[in-house]
Amino acid sequence: MKINNSGILRQVQAPLMIFILVLVVLTTFLSTLIVLRLSSQSAMRQASNQAEMAAEKLDDYKAARLLVDYWVDHSADFEPVYDRDAIDDLEREFRHMHPDLASLKDVTEEEFAALSEEDKDSYAHLALGKLTQEFDEIKQVFGPKWLFAFVMKDDDLFFLVTGAKEDELRVSQGGDLFELGTRMKLSESIYPNLRAMLNNSARYSRDEYYSDIDREFGEAGSWIPVMSDGEIIAVIGASKSYKDMFRDWIPAVIAIDILIIVVFAYLEIWIVSLLKKRIINPVSFEKSTILAYMDTKDTVSTVEKLKSIETNNEIESLADSFSQMIEEIERYVENIRQITAESERIGAELNVAAQIQEDMLPNVFPPYPDRTEFDIYASMSPAKEIGGDFYDFFFTDEDQLVLVIGDVSGKGVPAALIMAISKNVVRNLAYAYGSPEEILTSANKALCDGNEESMFVTLWIGIVDVRTGHVVSANAGHEHPAVRRADALYELDIYDHDMPIGIMPDLPPFGKREFDLSPGDSIFVYTDGVPDAVNTEEVFFGTDRMLDVLNTDPGAGCEDVINNMRSGIAEFSSGAERFDDITMLSFTYYGERK
């Protein structure tokens, strides 16, 4: 029989070409992205170095704090001197008048304060001129796009000095570069690190710097505080265009891309040739034999042809498998038909059960749009179609909000049934009893009745008085909640747990834990599916990583807290199979309604 393998070869070659083309595009994209990132990082380092050099120039003046105050206070009638000859003349005149003073930068605050008003003005003009010359030299030699010093005045950036190249002019010279007295609003949307530094100036030291990336203009900016007596007296800013640096790399990127295309083209030719010799021809023979069998149903002839294939690899094993399949195909088809029908029925029933379980839990957010005392968000993600975790929240009166999260032992349908019973039992008992420990005691007795499988439930219940922020909670063998105080970080609230419920009817009395929430405080409760999530190396996510994710954005809203944790677990797991349900509830207290 003549074998026509041209169609098979095309089918193999087309996806291979697409795959290689995708690899080329991805490699090109990644190389471009890497170069762009390297350019932005290099620009940021250069901007930081140049800002550091400029900061040292101002910091060298022992009377820098008083100079800055003088420049700001007299900016309205202060005319900066930019001409080098004029600055030199001013320096000779000042030194002639004060031969006993040290070098200009060594003039102390006491010496500056002792000067007459006229001499202070001369020294301030001379220092600003010298500082401007030094900024100009840094900008001329190292080429930052912007180099300036400023202070904050009335929530505006108040500029002191700006570096300029030889071909650049300042405002008073007919150009557009800022100079002493220029004000600019600090936009809410740009330079977040600069804003953070200015809003928390007491936290920063002279040895620190802070950088921002302005992607709109393709610049990397760096901000360095100049300190005096633990306070920021001025900020030095420098920016560097990383887009210009990236353009310098474009020829190298293009050369690399061309090399990659050539390598992959040769790789495709070699792979196609190898596939044709080792795989396509034998597979084509198997294909033609099977097609003939479909027409003739000649089992003996077909099996003989398939057994004649000797490749000493998986293709020969495949031919043997085809031989066995031909002999049993009718039985297999019938079995598969029955199994498929049963699987579809079970799958449909599980889908309905999953929807019912989802509808049992509060899933409309915000649940109380008219209540402004708090924010709340929760989610439950079962490991299988249905799970044993649950959460709940509801008001028992105008001010008492009950928060519940639980985890039933086991998985699948049995756990889901106990979960439904537990949720309804806890909710009904919450209306009858005023304290969480009484709810747990009664719920334990109810769940022990008829629990032949000895399935237990871990529960955390918290009752929040949304008017005062007072919380009364009880914990039946559940995970430690994470609590965040306003403007602080999340921490685990670790204390001794009581026994899970459902194990035995006569448990020791449940304890309670009381604490108060202030406006801005948050609670994050969860089931063991969060810390017990594993990655492909079977390493647990753990509570330390959980706290790291929470504290990446500690002030996030409740929904963002849940979404951040989902993303953190997904990134950590990296596709590893999940064995446990994941349920989370986030609550933030805002205080009594206005």
Protein backbone atom coordinates (compact mmCIF):
# COMPACT_ATOMS: atom_id res chain seq x y z
CA MET A 1 0.00 0.00 0.00
CA LYS A 2 1.32 3.46 -0.94
CA ILE A 3 1.58 5.77 2.05
CA ASN A 4 0.61 9.43 1.62
CA ASN A 5 2.11 11.24 4.56
CA SER A 6 2.11 14.74 3.11
CA GLY A 7 -1.10 15.64 5.02
CA ILE A 8 0.35 14.40 8.32
CA LEU A 9 3.54 16.31 7.69
CA ARG A 10 1.60 19.50 7.04
CA GLN A 11 -0.44 18.97 10.19
CA VAL A 12 2.72 18.51 12.22
CA GLN A 13 4.64 21.25 10.51
CA ALA A 14 1.96 23.93 10.79
CA PRO A 15 1.64 23.77 14.60
CA LEU A 16 5.42 23.49 14.83
CA MET A 17 5.84 26.65 12.77
CA ILE A 18 3.24 28.43 14.89
CA PHE A 19 4.95 27.20 18.07
CA ILE A 20 8.36 28.36 16.88
CA LEU A 21 6.88 31.68 15.73
CA VAL A 22 5.30 32.14 19.16
CA LEU A 23 8.66 31.33 20.76
CA VAL A 24 10.35 33.92 18.53
CA VAL A 25 7.73 36.54 19.41
CA LEU A 26 7.90 35.72 23.12
CA THR A 27 11.69 35.73 23.11
CA THR A 28 11.71 39.05 21.28
CA PHE A 29 9.17 40.47 23.68
CA LEU A 30 11.07 39.21 26.73
CA SER A 31 14.39 40.52 25.45
CA THR A 32 12.79 43.90 24.80
CA LEU A 33 11.14 43.85 28.21
CA ILE A 34 14.42 42.90 29.91
CA VAL A 35 16.29 45.68 28.12
CA LEU A 36 13.55 48.15 29.02
CA ARG A 37 13.70 47.07 32.67
CA LEU A 38 17.49 47.26 32.70
CA SER A 39 17.23 50.74 31.16
CA SER A 40 14.77 51.91 33.80
CA GLN A 41 16.87 50.41 36.62
CA SER A 42 20.03 51.99 35.22
CA ALA A 43 18.25 55.32 34.85
CA MET A 44 17.03 55.05 38.43
CA ARG A 45 20.53 54.31 39.73
CA GLN A 46 22.02 57.18 37.75
CA ALA A 47 19.29 59.56 38.92
CA SER A 48 19.92 58.48 42.52
CA ASN A 49 23.68 58.99 42.17
CA GLN A 50 23.22 62.42 40.61
CA ALA A 51 20.69 63.44 43.26
CA GLU A 52 23.15 62.24 45.93
CA MET A 53 25.95 64.35 44.43
CA ALA A 54 23.68 67.40 44.37
CA ALA A 55 22.50 66.74 47.94
CA GLU A 56 26.11 66.63 49.13
CA LYS A 57 26.68 70.06 47.57
CA LEU A 58 23.91 71.58 49.67
CA ASP A 59 24.74 69.49 52.71
CA ASP A 60 28.33 70.79 52.63
CA TYR A 61 27.08 74.20 53.77
CA LYS A 62 27.16 74.20 57.57
CA ALA A 63 24.53 76.93 57.59
CA ALA A 64 22.35 75.10 55.03
CA ARG A 65 19.24 75.20 57.23
CA LEU A 66 19.42 78.96 57.73
CA LEU A 67 20.30 79.52 54.07
CA VAL A 68 17.24 77.59 52.92
CA ASP A 69 15.02 79.56 55.32
CA TYR A 70 16.54 82.82 54.05
CA TRP A 71 16.03 81.88 50.39
CA VAL A 72 12.40 80.97 51.04
CA ASP A 73 11.62 84.03 53.17
CA HIS A 74 13.24 86.49 50.72
CA SER A 75 12.29 84.76 47.46
CA ALA A 76 9.89 87.55 46.45
CA ASP A 77 12.68 90.15 46.05
CA PHE A 78 15.61 87.75 45.63
CA GLU A 79 17.33 87.93 42.24
CA PRO A 80 19.60 84.90 41.73
CA VAL A 81 23.00 85.50 40.17
CA TYR A 82 23.88 83.07 37.35
CA ASP A 83 26.80 84.83 35.63
CA ARG A 84 30.12 83.24 36.70
CA ASP A 85 32.04 86.51 36.58
CA ALA A 86 29.41 88.22 38.71
CA ILE A 87 29.54 85.37 41.22
CA ASP A 88 33.34 85.58 41.36
CA ASP A 89 33.15 89.34 41.92
CA LEU A 90 30.57 88.82 44.64
CA GLU A 91 32.81 86.23 46.34
CA ARG A 92 35.90 88.51 46.27
CA GLU A 93 33.86 91.36 47.71
CA PHE A 94 32.43 89.15 50.49
CA ARG A 95 35.83 87.71 51.40
CA HIS A 96 37.30 91.22 51.44
CA MET A 97 34.59 92.32 53.85
CA HIS A 98 35.01 89.22 56.03
CA PRO A 99 38.60 87.99 55.84
CA ASP A 100 38.25 86.20 59.18
CA LEU A 101 35.51 83.83 57.98
CA ALA A 102 36.38 80.34 56.84
CA SER A 103 35.56 79.01 53.40
CA LEU A 104 32.06 79.75 52.17
CA LYS A 105 30.69 76.30 52.99
CA ASP A 106 32.28 76.30 56.46
CA VAL A 107 30.36 79.36 57.62
CA THR A 108 28.43 78.10 60.63
CA GLU A 109 24.86 78.93 61.58
CA GLU A 110 26.16 81.12 64.42
CA GLU A 111 28.45 83.04 62.06
CA PHE A 112 25.66 83.47 59.53
CA ALA A 113 23.25 84.68 62.20
CA ALA A 114 25.84 87.21 63.38
CA LEU A 115 26.09 88.83 59.91
CA SER A 116 24.34 92.06 59.17
CA GLU A 117 21.24 91.95 57.01
CA GLU A 118 23.21 93.30 54.06
CA ASP A 119 25.95 90.70 54.54
CA LYS A 120 23.39 87.94 54.97
CA ASP A 121 21.87 88.93 51.65
CA SER A 122 25.30 88.95 49.98
CA TYR A 123 26.20 85.55 51.44
CA ALA A 124 22.82 84.09 50.47
CA HIS A 125 23.21 85.35 46.88
CA LEU A 126 26.76 84.02 46.76
CA ALA A 127 25.82 80.60 48.20
CA LEU A 128 22.85 80.23 45.83
CA GLY A 129 25.02 81.20 42.88
CA LYS A 130 27.75 78.73 43.85
CA LEU A 131 25.17 75.99 44.45
CA THR A 132 23.59 76.72 41.06
CA GLN A 133 27.02 76.43 39.40
CA GLU A 134 27.54 73.04 41.07
CA PHE A 135 24.10 71.84 39.96
CA ASP A 136 24.87 73.07 36.43
CA GLU A 137 28.17 71.13 36.39
CA ILE A 138 26.44 67.91 37.50
CA LYS A 139 23.78 68.30 34.83
CA GLN A 140 26.34 69.21 32.13
CA VAL A 141 28.63 66.25 32.95
CA PHE A 142 26.14 63.51 33.84
CA GLY A 143 23.12 64.64 31.83
CA PRO A 144 20.07 64.16 34.10
CA LYS A 145 16.89 65.45 32.49
CA TRP A 146 15.98 67.41 35.65
CA LEU A 147 18.04 68.34 38.69
CA PHE A 148 16.57 70.60 41.34
CA ALA A 149 16.21 71.34 45.03
CA PHE A 150 12.91 72.28 46.66
CA VAL A 151 11.02 72.55 49.94
CA MET A 152 7.32 72.13 50.74
CA LYS A 153 5.47 75.41 51.29
CA ASP A 154 1.70 75.55 51.70
CA ASP A 155 1.35 72.06 50.14
CA ASP A 156 3.25 73.27 47.03
CA LEU A 157 6.69 72.34 45.75
CA PHE A 158 8.72 75.51 46.34
CA PHE A 159 11.82 75.41 44.14
CA LEU A 160 15.20 76.70 45.37
CA VAL A 161 17.58 75.94 42.52
CA THR A 162 17.54 74.04 39.23
CA GLY A 163 20.52 72.74 37.27
CA ALA A 164 20.83 73.81 33.63
CA LYS A 165 23.01 72.87 30.70
CA GLU A 166 24.80 75.49 28.61
CA ASP A 167 21.95 75.59 26.07
CA GLU A 168 19.16 75.78 28.67
CA LEU A 169 17.68 78.94 30.20
CA ARG A 170 15.77 79.60 33.40
CA VAL A 171 12.51 81.54 33.64
CA SER A 172 14.18 84.88 34.38
CA GLN A 173 16.47 84.31 31.38
CA GLY A 174 13.57 83.69 29.00
CA GLY A 175 13.56 79.89 29.35
CA ASP A 176 11.34 77.38 31.10
CA LEU A 177 13.58 75.97 33.84
CA PHE A 178 12.37 76.61 37.39
CA GLU A 179 14.28 78.88 39.74
CA LEU A 180 14.01 80.24 43.26
CA GLY A 181 10.41 80.98 44.17
CA THR A 182 8.74 78.86 41.48
CA ARG A 183 5.79 76.91 42.88
CA MET A 184 4.21 73.73 41.54
CA LYS A 185 1.33 71.60 42.76
CA LEU A 186 2.26 68.01 43.64
CA SER A 187 -0.18 65.89 41.64
CA GLU A 188 -2.02 63.15 43.49
CA SER A 189 -1.34 60.65 40.69
CA ILE A 190 2.45 60.93 40.29
CA TYR A 191 5.52 60.32 42.41
CA PRO A 192 3.94 58.25 45.22
CA ASN A 193 7.32 57.67 46.93
CA LEU A 194 8.04 61.41 46.99
CA ARG A 195 4.63 62.01 48.52
CA ALA A 196 5.25 59.28 51.10
CA MET A 197 8.58 60.81 52.07
CA LEU A 198 7.10 64.32 52.45
CA ASN A 199 4.12 63.05 54.47
CA ASN A 200 6.33 61.03 56.84
CA SER A 201 9.45 63.14 57.00
CA ALA A 202 10.30 62.11 60.56
CA ARG A 203 10.89 58.53 59.45
CA TYR A 204 13.66 59.24 56.98
CA SER A 205 17.38 59.73 57.33
CA ARG A 206 20.03 61.45 55.27
CA ASP A 207 21.33 58.12 53.98
CA GLU A 208 18.04 57.15 52.37
CA TYR A 209 16.67 57.92 48.94
CA TYR A 210 13.36 57.19 47.25
CA SER A 211 12.63 56.60 43.60
CA ASP A 212 9.62 56.80 41.31
CA ILE A 213 9.02 55.73 37.72
CA ASP A 214 7.03 58.12 35.49
CA ARG A 215 5.95 55.84 32.65
CA GLU A 216 4.05 58.61 30.87
CA PHE A 217 7.27 60.54 30.19
CA GLY A 218 9.65 57.56 30.36
CA GLU A 219 11.63 58.95 33.30
CA ALA A 220 13.06 57.56 36.53
CA GLY A 221 13.07 60.05 39.38
CA SER A 222 15.00 59.92 42.65
CA TRP A 223 14.42 61.99 45.80
CA ILE A 224 17.01 62.50 48.54
CA PRO A 225 16.25 64.45 51.71
CA VAL A 226 18.79 66.91 53.09
CA MET A 227 18.56 66.65 56.87
CA SER A 228 19.34 69.00 59.74
CA ASP A 229 18.67 68.10 63.37
CA GLY A 230 16.55 65.15 62.27
CA GLU A 231 14.30 67.20 59.98
CA ILE A 232 14.12 67.53 56.21
CA ILE A 233 15.22 71.04 55.27
CA ALA A 234 15.16 70.43 51.51
CA VAL A 235 14.69 67.65 48.98
CA ILE A 236 16.97 67.05 46.02
CA GLY A 237 15.29 65.61 42.94
CA ALA A 238 16.88 64.18 39.81
CA SER A 239 15.34 62.39 36.85
CA LYS A 240 16.82 60.39 34.01
CA SER A 241 15.11 59.37 30.78
CA TYR A 242 15.18 55.59 30.51
CA LYS A 243 13.54 55.80 27.07
CA ASP A 244 16.67 57.46 25.70
CA MET A 245 18.81 54.70 27.23
CA PHE A 246 16.50 52.08 25.73
CA ARG A 247 16.92 53.57 22.26
CA ASP A 248 20.67 53.05 22.53
CA TRP A 249 20.01 49.33 23.03
CA ILE A 250 17.68 48.92 20.03
CA PRO A 251 20.41 47.86 17.51
CA ALA A 252 21.63 45.16 19.90
CA VAL A 253 18.05 43.96 20.49
CA ILE A 254 17.43 43.76 16.74
CA ALA A 255 20.65 41.78 16.21
CA ILE A 256 19.66 39.35 18.96
CA ASP A 257 16.18 38.96 17.45
CA ILE A 258 17.61 38.18 14.01
CA LEU A 259 19.94 35.59 15.52
CA ILE A 260 17.03 34.00 17.36
CA ILE A 261 14.96 33.80 14.15
CA VAL A 262 17.83 32.13 12.27
CA VAL A 263 18.44 29.60 15.06
CA PHE A 264 14.77 28.69 15.30
CA ALA A 265 14.46 28.38 11.52
CA TYR A 266 17.30 25.82 11.41
CA LEU A 267 15.76 24.11 14.45
CA GLU A 268 12.43 23.74 12.66
CA ILE A 269 14.06 22.16 9.57
CA TRP A 270 15.93 19.66 11.74
CA ILE A 271 12.87 18.77 13.81
CA VAL A 272 10.67 18.27 10.73
CA SER A 273 13.25 15.97 9.13
CA LEU A 274 13.58 13.93 12.31
CA LEU A 275 9.82 13.72 12.78
CA LYS A 276 9.32 12.49 9.25
CA LYS A 277 11.89 9.72 9.59
CA ARG A 278 11.19 8.53 13.11
CA ILE A 279 7.51 9.26 13.63
CA ILE A 280 5.46 10.40 10.64
CA ASN A 281 6.18 7.47 8.28
CA PRO A 282 5.43 4.75 10.88
CA VAL A 283 2.39 6.64 12.12
CA SER A 284 1.14 7.07 8.56
CA PHE A 285 1.39 3.32 8.05
CA GLU A 286 -0.58 2.73 11.22
CA LYS A 287 -3.13 5.27 10.06
CA SER A 288 -3.65 3.59 6.69
CA THR A 289 -3.94 0.16 8.38
CA ILE A 290 -6.59 1.40 10.80
CA LEU A 291 -8.52 3.11 8.00
CA ALA A 292 -8.49 -0.13 6.03
CA TYR A 293 -9.79 -1.98 9.09
CA MET A 294 -12.66 0.50 9.40
CA ASP A 295 -13.70 -0.45 5.85
CA THR A 296 -13.04 -4.20 5.92
CA LYS A 297 -13.31 -5.12 9.60
CA ASP A 298 -10.61 -7.72 8.81
CA THR A 299 -9.16 -8.19 12.26
CA VAL A 300 -6.58 -10.90 11.33
CA SER A 301 -5.04 -8.92 8.43
CA THR A 302 -5.02 -5.69 10.41
CA VAL A 303 -3.31 -7.24 13.44
CA GLU A 304 -0.63 -8.83 11.22
CA LYS A 305 0.15 -5.47 9.58
CA LEU A 306 0.32 -3.66 12.91
CA LYS A 307 2.67 -6.32 14.34
CA SER A 308 4.98 -5.85 11.34
CA ILE A 309 5.86 -2.36 12.61
CA GLU A 310 9.24 -2.60 14.33
CA THR A 311 10.56 0.76 15.50
CA ASN A 312 11.73 -0.24 18.99
CA ASN A 313 10.03 2.80 20.48
CA GLU A 314 6.64 4.06 21.57
CA ILE A 315 5.23 3.82 18.05
CA GLU A 316 5.67 0.02 18.08
CA SER A 317 3.98 -0.06 21.48
CA LEU A 318 1.21 2.05 19.99
CA ALA A 319 0.75 -0.49 17.18
CA ASP A 320 0.46 -3.28 19.75
CA SER A 321 -2.07 -1.24 21.65
CA PHE A 322 -4.06 -0.72 18.47
CA SER A 323 -4.07 -4.48 17.95
CA GLN A 324 -5.56 -5.04 21.37
CA MET A 325 -7.97 -2.16 20.92
CA ILE A 326 -9.31 -3.60 17.67
CA GLU A 327 -10.12 -6.87 19.39
CA GLU A 328 -11.95 -5.15 22.25
CA ILE A 329 -13.29 -2.01 20.62
CA GLU A 330 -16.95 -2.95 20.65
CA ARG A 331 -16.93 -3.72 24.36
CA TYR A 332 -15.01 -0.55 25.14
CA VAL A 333 -17.39 1.62 23.14
CA GLU A 334 -20.36 0.28 25.03
CA ASN A 335 -18.64 0.70 28.40
CA ILE A 336 -17.60 4.23 27.56
CA ARG A 337 -21.15 5.08 26.53
CA GLN A 338 -22.49 3.88 29.89
CA ILE A 339 -19.76 5.57 31.90
CA THR A 340 -20.24 8.85 30.03
CA ALA A 341 -23.95 8.90 30.71
CA GLU A 342 -23.37 8.18 34.41
CA SER A 343 -20.63 10.81 34.67
CA GLU A 344 -22.84 13.44 33.05
CA ARG A 345 -25.64 12.65 35.48
CA ILE A 346 -23.34 12.86 38.52
CA GLY A 347 -21.69 16.00 37.20
CA ALA A 348 -25.05 17.69 36.68
CA GLU A 349 -26.15 16.78 40.19
CA LEU A 350 -22.90 18.06 41.70
CA ASN A 351 -23.25 21.33 39.77
CA VAL A 352 -26.74 21.79 41.18
CA ALA A 353 -25.44 20.97 44.68
CA ALA A 354 -22.58 23.46 44.29
CA GLN A 355 -25.04 26.18 43.24
CA ILE A 356 -27.30 25.39 46.18
CA GLN A 357 -24.34 25.55 48.56
CA GLU A 358 -23.21 28.86 47.10
CA ASP A 359 -26.72 30.29 47.46
CA MET A 360 -26.75 29.26 51.15
CA LEU A 361 -23.91 31.68 51.91
CA PRO A 362 -24.24 35.48 51.82
CA ASN A 363 -22.92 36.40 48.39
CA VAL A 364 -24.27 39.88 47.66
CA PHE A 365 -21.79 42.64 48.53
CA PRO A 366 -22.10 45.09 50.08
CA PRO A 367 -24.68 43.15 52.15
CA TYR A 368 -25.85 46.21 54.12
CA PRO A 369 -25.41 49.23 51.83
CA ASP A 370 -27.13 51.55 54.31
CA ARG A 371 -24.79 50.64 57.19
CA THR A 372 -21.68 52.83 57.25
CA GLU A 373 -20.18 51.55 60.52
CA PHE A 374 -18.24 48.76 58.82
CA ASP A 375 -17.17 47.04 55.62
CA ILE A 376 -17.30 43.27 55.10
CA TYR A 377 -16.45 40.79 52.37
CA ALA A 378 -16.14 36.99 52.31
CA SER A 379 -15.61 34.11 49.89
CA MET A 380 -15.64 30.30 49.87
CA SER A 381 -13.78 28.26 47.25
CA PRO A 382 -14.24 24.47 47.60
CA ALA A 383 -11.43 22.09 46.67
CA LYS A 384 -13.99 19.82 44.98
CA GLU A 385 -17.36 20.63 43.45
CA ILE A 386 -18.77 21.16 46.94
CA GLY A 387 -16.98 21.61 50.26
CA GLY A 388 -17.27 21.67 54.02
CA ASP A 389 -16.18 25.27 54.75
CA PHE A 390 -18.72 27.99 55.42
CA TYR A 391 -19.05 31.57 56.60
CA ASP A 392 -22.00 33.69 57.70
CA PHE A 393 -22.77 37.14 59.04
CA PHE A 394 -26.07 38.62 60.20
CA PHE A 395 -27.59 41.09 62.65
CA THR A 396 -29.44 39.76 65.71
CA ASP A 397 -30.63 43.27 66.55
CA GLU A 398 -29.96 46.82 65.42
CA ASP A 399 -26.31 46.86 66.57
CA GLN A 400 -25.17 43.25 67.17
CA LEU A 401 -23.45 41.82 64.07
CA VAL A 402 -22.55 38.11 64.26
CA LEU A 403 -19.50 36.92 62.26
CA VAL A 404 -19.10 33.15 61.73
CA ILE A 405 -16.52 31.02 59.92
CA GLY A 406 -16.28 27.24 60.14
CA ASP A 407 -14.55 24.18 58.70
CA VAL A 408 -16.11 20.71 58.68
CA SER A 409 -13.76 17.74 58.80
CA GLY A 410 -13.68 15.71 55.60
CA LYS A 411 -14.45 16.70 52.02
CA GLY A 412 -17.13 16.38 49.39
CA VAL A 413 -20.81 15.58 49.88
CA PRO A 414 -20.64 14.40 53.56
CA ALA A 415 -18.82 17.55 54.62
CA ALA A 416 -21.25 19.70 52.62
CA LEU A 417 -24.22 18.17 54.44
CA ILE A 418 -22.66 18.80 57.88
CA MET A 419 -21.74 22.30 56.71
CA ALA A 420 -25.38 23.09 55.83
CA ILE A 421 -26.59 21.75 59.18
CA SER A 422 -23.88 23.62 61.14
CA LYS A 423 -24.58 26.93 59.44
CA ASN A 424 -28.31 26.78 60.11
CA VAL A 425 -27.82 25.57 63.69
CA VAL A 426 -25.40 28.41 64.51
CA ARG A 427 -27.62 31.05 62.91
CA ASN A 428 -30.75 29.86 64.74
CA LEU A 429 -28.94 29.63 68.08
CA ALA A 430 -27.44 33.12 67.64
CA TYR A 431 -30.93 34.60 67.84
CA ALA A 432 -31.64 32.67 71.04
CA TYR A 433 -28.36 33.26 72.92
CA GLY A 434 -26.50 36.47 73.47
CA SER A 435 -22.94 35.16 73.76
CA PRO A 436 -20.74 33.12 71.41
CA GLU A 437 -19.74 30.60 74.10
CA GLU A 438 -23.42 29.76 74.71
CA ILE A 439 -23.96 29.38 70.97
CA LEU A 440 -21.04 26.93 70.73
CA THR A 441 -22.25 24.90 73.72
CA SER A 442 -25.73 24.43 72.26
CA ALA A 443 -24.43 23.87 68.73
CA ASN A 444 -22.08 21.15 69.98
CA LYS A 445 -24.95 19.23 71.57
CA ALA A 446 -27.07 19.57 68.43
CA LEU A 447 -24.31 18.33 66.12
CA CYS A 448 -23.36 15.37 68.33
CA ASP A 449 -26.91 14.05 68.07
CA GLY A 450 -26.95 11.41 65.30
CA ASN A 451 -23.35 12.10 64.20
CA GLU A 452 -22.47 8.47 63.55
CA GLU A 453 -19.45 9.34 61.42
CA SER A 454 -17.96 11.53 64.21
CA MET A 455 -17.42 14.44 61.85
CA PHE A 456 -16.41 17.55 63.79
CA VAL A 457 -16.52 21.27 63.07
CA THR A 458 -14.04 24.02 63.94
CA LEU A 459 -15.77 27.37 64.48
CA TRP A 460 -14.89 30.98 65.20
CA ILE A 461 -17.76 33.23 66.23
CA GLY A 462 -17.46 36.93 66.88
CA ILE A 463 -20.29 39.26 67.92
CA VAL A 464 -19.49 42.90 67.11
CA ASP A 465 -21.35 45.81 68.61
CA VAL A 466 -21.13 48.10 65.56
CA ARG A 467 -22.10 51.06 67.73
CA THR A 468 -19.13 50.76 70.13
CA GLY A 469 -16.70 48.38 68.33
CA HIS A 470 -16.75 45.93 71.28
CA VAL A 471 -16.18 42.32 70.16
CA VAL A 472 -16.99 39.13 72.07
CA SER A 473 -15.60 36.01 70.37
CA ALA A 474 -15.23 32.30 70.99
CA ASN A 475 -13.03 29.78 69.20
CA ALA A 476 -13.78 26.06 68.87
CA GLY A 477 -10.49 24.69 67.55
CA HIS A 478 -10.34 27.17 64.64
CA GLU A 479 -7.42 29.11 63.15
CA HIS A 480 -6.07 32.18 64.97
CA PRO A 481 -7.69 35.36 63.57
CA ALA A 482 -5.47 38.13 62.18
CA VAL A 483 -6.19 41.57 63.65
CA ARG A 484 -4.97 44.92 62.36
CA ARG A 485 -5.12 48.12 64.28
CA ALA A 486 -5.59 51.34 62.29
CA ASP A 487 -2.37 52.50 60.57
CA ALA A 488 -0.60 49.32 61.75
CA LEU A 489 0.03 45.83 60.37
CA TYR A 490 -1.91 42.61 60.66
CA GLU A 491 -0.86 40.31 63.52
CA LEU A 492 -2.16 36.93 64.64
CA ASP A 493 -4.31 37.06 67.79
CA ILE A 494 -2.91 33.92 69.40
CA TYR A 495 -4.61 32.38 72.44
CA ASP A 496 -5.67 28.94 73.68
CA HIS A 497 -8.48 27.34 71.67
CA ASP A 498 -11.38 25.23 72.90
CA MET A 499 -12.26 21.85 71.43
CA PRO A 500 -14.01 21.59 68.03
CA ILE A 501 -17.73 20.89 68.25
CA GLY A 502 -19.43 17.66 67.21
CA ILE A 503 -16.90 15.34 68.89
CA MET A 504 -18.62 14.69 72.22
CA PRO A 505 -21.73 16.22 73.81
CA ASP A 506 -20.19 17.01 77.22
CA LEU A 507 -17.27 19.30 76.43
CA PRO A 508 -15.73 21.64 79.04
CA PRO A 509 -17.29 25.13 79.04
CA PHE A 510 -16.23 27.27 76.10
CA GLY A 511 -14.24 30.36 76.90
CA LYS A 512 -14.72 33.79 75.41
CA ARG A 513 -12.30 36.52 74.29
CA GLU A 514 -13.29 40.19 74.40
CA PHE A 515 -11.55 43.13 72.76
CA ASP A 516 -12.43 46.53 71.31
CA LEU A 517 -12.12 47.76 67.75
CA SER A 518 -11.32 51.37 67.02
CA PRO A 519 -12.27 53.05 63.73
CA GLY A 520 -9.99 51.69 61.01
CA ASP A 521 -9.29 48.36 62.80
CA SER A 522 -9.73 45.15 60.78
CA ILE A 523 -10.26 41.42 61.40
CA PHE A 524 -9.30 38.68 58.94
CA VAL A 525 -10.56 35.15 59.67
CA TYR A 526 -9.98 32.12 57.48
CA THR A 527 -10.04 28.32 57.34
CA ASP A 528 -7.00 26.04 57.30
CA GLY A 529 -7.10 25.94 53.51
CA VAL A 530 -5.17 29.24 53.53
CA PRO A 531 -2.07 28.26 55.60
CA ASP A 532 -2.25 24.63 54.38
CA ALA A 533 -2.07 25.54 50.67
CA VAL A 534 0.99 23.90 49.12
CA ASN A 535 3.13 24.50 46.07
CA THR A 536 4.59 21.97 43.66
CA GLU A 537 7.43 21.30 46.13
CA GLU A 538 4.89 20.46 48.87
CA VAL A 539 5.85 23.51 50.94
CA PHE A 540 3.00 24.99 52.99
CA PHE A 541 1.86 28.58 52.45
CA GLY A 542 1.79 29.10 56.22
CA THR A 543 0.62 31.98 58.38
CA ASP A 544 3.88 33.94 57.92
CA ARG A 545 3.28 34.20 54.17
CA MET A 546 -0.38 34.94 54.87
CA LEU A 547 0.62 37.92 57.05
CA ASP A 548 3.12 39.06 54.40
CA VAL A 549 0.31 39.17 51.82
CA LEU A 550 -2.03 41.00 54.21
CA ASN A 551 0.65 43.54 55.08
CA THR A 552 1.61 44.18 51.46
CA ASP A 553 -1.40 46.51 51.43
CA PRO A 554 -2.62 46.65 55.04
CA GLY A 555 -5.06 49.47 54.40
CA ALA A 556 -6.84 47.72 51.53
CA GLY A 557 -10.63 47.43 51.53
CA CYS A 558 -12.24 44.16 52.54
CA GLU A 559 -12.82 42.93 48.99
CA ASP A 560 -9.25 43.82 48.01
CA VAL A 561 -7.95 41.95 51.09
CA ILE A 562 -9.70 38.76 49.89
CA ASN A 563 -8.56 39.25 46.28
CA ASN A 564 -4.98 39.93 47.36
CA MET A 565 -4.95 36.72 49.40
CA ARG A 566 -6.37 34.73 46.49
CA SER A 567 -3.66 36.08 44.20
CA GLY A 568 -0.94 35.43 46.79
CA ILE A 569 -2.01 31.79 47.23
CA ALA A 570 -2.34 31.25 43.47
CA GLU A 571 1.11 32.72 42.83
CA PHE A 572 2.63 30.59 45.61
CA SER A 573 0.87 27.37 44.55
CA SER A 574 2.02 27.73 40.92
CA GLY A 575 -0.57 25.31 39.61
CA ALA A 576 -0.23 22.70 42.39
CA GLU A 577 -3.37 20.67 43.06
CA ARG A 578 -5.50 22.05 45.88
CA PHE A 579 -6.67 19.58 48.52
CA ASP A 580 -8.56 21.82 50.94
CA ASP A 581 -11.36 24.37 50.77
CA ILE A 582 -10.33 28.00 51.11
CA THR A 583 -12.72 30.32 52.96
CA MET A 584 -11.97 33.88 54.10
CA LEU A 585 -13.85 36.73 55.77
CA SER A 586 -12.55 40.30 56.06
CA PHE A 587 -14.14 42.90 58.35
CA THR A 588 -13.17 46.57 58.88
CA TYR A 589 -14.75 48.72 61.59
CA TYR A 590 -15.38 52.43 60.80
CA GLY A 591 -17.27 53.54 63.87
CA GLU A 592 -20.71 54.73 64.79
CA ARG A 593 -22.94 56.07 62.04
CA LYS A 594 -22.92 59.82 61.56
